C-alpha atoms as a PDB file:
ATOM      1  CA  UNK A   1      -1.464 -12.004  15.143  1.00  0.00           C
ATOM      2  CA  UNK A   2      -2.877 -10.262  11.950  1.00  0.00           C
ATOM      3  CA  UNK A   3      -0.629  -9.796   9.242  1.00  0.00           C
ATOM      4  CA  UNK A   4      -0.891  -7.014   6.616  1.00  0.00           C
ATOM      5  CA  UNK A   5       0.098  -6.022   3.145  1.00  0.00           C
ATOM      6  CA  UNK A   6       1.039  -2.373   2.134  1.00  0.00           C
ATOM      7  CA  UNK A   7      -0.080  -0.840  -0.940  1.00  0.00           C
ATOM      8  CA  UNK A   8       1.455   2.206  -2.095  1.00  0.00           C
ATOM      9  CA  UNK A   9       0.547   4.417  -4.628  1.00  0.00           C
ATOM     10  CA  UNK A  10       1.206   8.021  -6.455  1.00  0.00           C
ATOM     11  CA  UNK A  11      -0.481   8.976  -9.263  1.00  0.00           C
ATOM     12  CA  UNK A  12       2.172  10.752 -11.417  1.00  0.00           C
ATOM     13  CA  UNK A  13       5.858   9.928 -12.511  1.00  0.00           C
ATOM     14  CA  UNK A  14       7.216  12.809 -10.760  1.00  0.00           C
ATOM     15  CA  UNK A  15       5.767  11.804  -7.499  1.00  0.00           C
ATOM     16  CA  UNK A  16       7.034   8.542  -8.154  1.00  0.00           C
ATOM     17  CA  UNK A  17      10.416   9.753  -8.831  1.00  0.00           C
ATOM     18  CA  UNK A  18      10.871  12.042  -6.214  1.00  0.00           C
ATOM     19  CA  UNK A  19       9.892   9.284  -3.409  1.00  0.00           C
ATOM     20  CA  UNK A  20       8.283  11.991  -1.099  1.00  0.00           C
ATOM     21  CA  UNK A  21       4.827  10.689  -1.499  1.00  0.00           C
ATOM     22  CA  UNK A  22       5.961   7.123  -1.472  1.00  0.00           C
ATOM     23  CA  UNK A  23       8.240   7.712   1.449  1.00  0.00           C
ATOM     24  CA  UNK A  24       5.547   9.327   3.561  1.00  0.00           C
ATOM     25  CA  UNK A  25       3.229   6.475   2.817  1.00  0.00           C
ATOM     26  CA  UNK A  26       6.000   3.886   4.098  1.00  0.00           C
ATOM     27  CA  UNK A  27       6.388   5.840   7.048  1.00  0.00           C
ATOM     28  CA  UNK A  28       2.585   5.881   7.783  1.00  0.00           C
ATOM     29  CA  UNK A  29       2.591   2.142   7.399  1.00  0.00           C
ATOM     30  CA  UNK A  30       5.644   1.828   9.782  1.00  0.00           C
ATOM     31  CA  UNK A  31       3.986   3.439  12.378  1.00  0.00           C
ATOM     32  CA  UNK A  32       0.825   1.621  12.209  1.00  0.00           C
ATOM     33  CA  UNK A  33       1.979  -1.911  12.291  1.00  0.00           C
ATOM     34  CA  UNK A  34       5.245  -4.079  13.242  1.00  0.00           C
ATOM     35  CA  UNK A  35       7.489  -5.087  10.515  1.00  0.00           C
ATOM     36  CA  UNK A  36       7.236  -8.454  11.889  1.00  0.00           C
ATOM     37  CA  UNK A  37       3.606  -8.522  10.640  1.00  0.00           C
ATOM     38  CA  UNK A  38       4.154  -6.869   7.256  1.00  0.00           C
ATOM     39  CA  UNK A  39       3.921  -9.589   4.588  1.00  0.00           C
ATOM     40  CA  UNK A  40       4.713  -7.399   1.469  1.00  0.00           C
ATOM     41  CA  UNK A  41       4.666  -4.021  -0.263  1.00  0.00           C
ATOM     42  CA  UNK A  42       3.189  -3.507  -3.665  1.00  0.00           C
ATOM     43  CA  UNK A  43       3.992  -0.011  -5.067  1.00  0.00           C
ATOM     44  CA  UNK A  44       2.473   1.474  -8.153  1.00  0.00           C
ATOM     45  CA  UNK A  45       2.757   4.881  -9.924  1.00  0.00           C
ATOM     46  CA  UNK A  46      -0.522   5.016 -11.702  1.00  0.00           C
ATOM     47  CA  UNK A  47      -3.897   6.996 -11.593  1.00  0.00           C
ATOM     48  CA  UNK A  48      -6.474   6.132  -8.966  1.00  0.00           C
ATOM     49  CA  UNK A  49      -9.004   6.509 -12.024  1.00  0.00           C
ATOM     50  CA  UNK A  50      -7.540   3.732 -13.875  1.00  0.00           C
ATOM     51  CA  UNK A  51      -9.323   0.485 -13.190  1.00  0.00           C
ATOM     52  CA  UNK A  52      -6.400  -1.772 -14.212  1.00  0.00           C
ATOM     53  CA  UNK A  53      -3.744  -1.387 -11.607  1.00  0.00           C
ATOM     54  CA  UNK A  54      -1.427  -4.486 -11.514  1.00  0.00           C
ATOM     55  CA  UNK A  55      -0.035  -3.969  -8.094  1.00  0.00           C
ATOM     56  CA  UNK A  56      -3.195  -3.663  -6.385  1.00  0.00           C
ATOM     57  CA  UNK A  57      -4.515  -6.896  -8.173  1.00  0.00           C
ATOM     58  CA  UNK A  58      -1.308  -8.734  -6.787  1.00  0.00           C
ATOM     59  CA  UNK A  59      -1.768  -7.073  -3.352  1.00  0.00           C
ATOM     60  CA  UNK A  60      -5.456  -8.317  -3.140  1.00  0.00           C
ATOM     61  CA  UNK A  61      -4.345 -11.701  -4.540  1.00  0.00           C
ATOM     62  CA  UNK A  62      -1.938 -12.495  -1.308  1.00  0.00           C
ATOM     63  CA  UNK A  63      -4.785 -14.195   0.426  1.00  0.00           C
ATOM     64  CA  UNK A  64      -4.439 -11.421   3.204  1.00  0.00           C
ATOM     65  CA  UNK A  65      -8.161  -9.995   3.900  1.00  0.00           C
ATOM     66  CA  UNK A  66      -8.942  -6.874   2.633  1.00  0.00           C
ATOM     67  CA  UNK A  67      -9.320  -5.509   6.224  1.00  0.00           C
ATOM     68  CA  UNK A  68      -5.467  -6.039   6.373  1.00  0.00           C
ATOM     69  CA  UNK A  69      -4.620  -4.064   3.458  1.00  0.00           C
ATOM     70  CA  UNK A  70      -2.912  -0.628   3.906  1.00  0.00           C
ATOM     71  CA  UNK A  71      -3.351   1.452   0.718  1.00  0.00           C
ATOM     72  CA  UNK A  72      -2.294   5.048   0.026  1.00  0.00           C
ATOM     73  CA  UNK A  73      -5.693   6.541   0.336  1.00  0.00           C
ATOM     74  CA  UNK A  74      -6.423   5.233   4.039  1.00  0.00           C
ATOM     75  CA  UNK A  75      -4.621   3.633   6.868  1.00  0.00           C
ATOM     76  CA  UNK A  76      -7.714   2.559   8.597  1.00  0.00           C
ATOM     77  CA  UNK A  77      -7.123  -0.745  10.177  1.00  0.00           C
ATOM     78  CA  UNK A  78     -10.215  -2.883  10.850  1.00  0.00           C
ATOM     79  CA  UNK A  79      -9.704  -5.574  13.402  1.00  0.00           C
END
């Protein structure tokens, strides 16, 4: 079975503090893959325009193929 890593991101502190954006992303990930196959969750409050995003770096460094990385912009799954 394929394993997944979730990368959740909101752009502003206000979005991060409200939890609404992150909650919606978590719900989308939860409906897309069984929890048993979710290896980790990486959360970031950072603009997508910035190249330095430590949590994205951590998510991509897990060894899980990039086709198995859920992100806040797209929930497409490549098999």
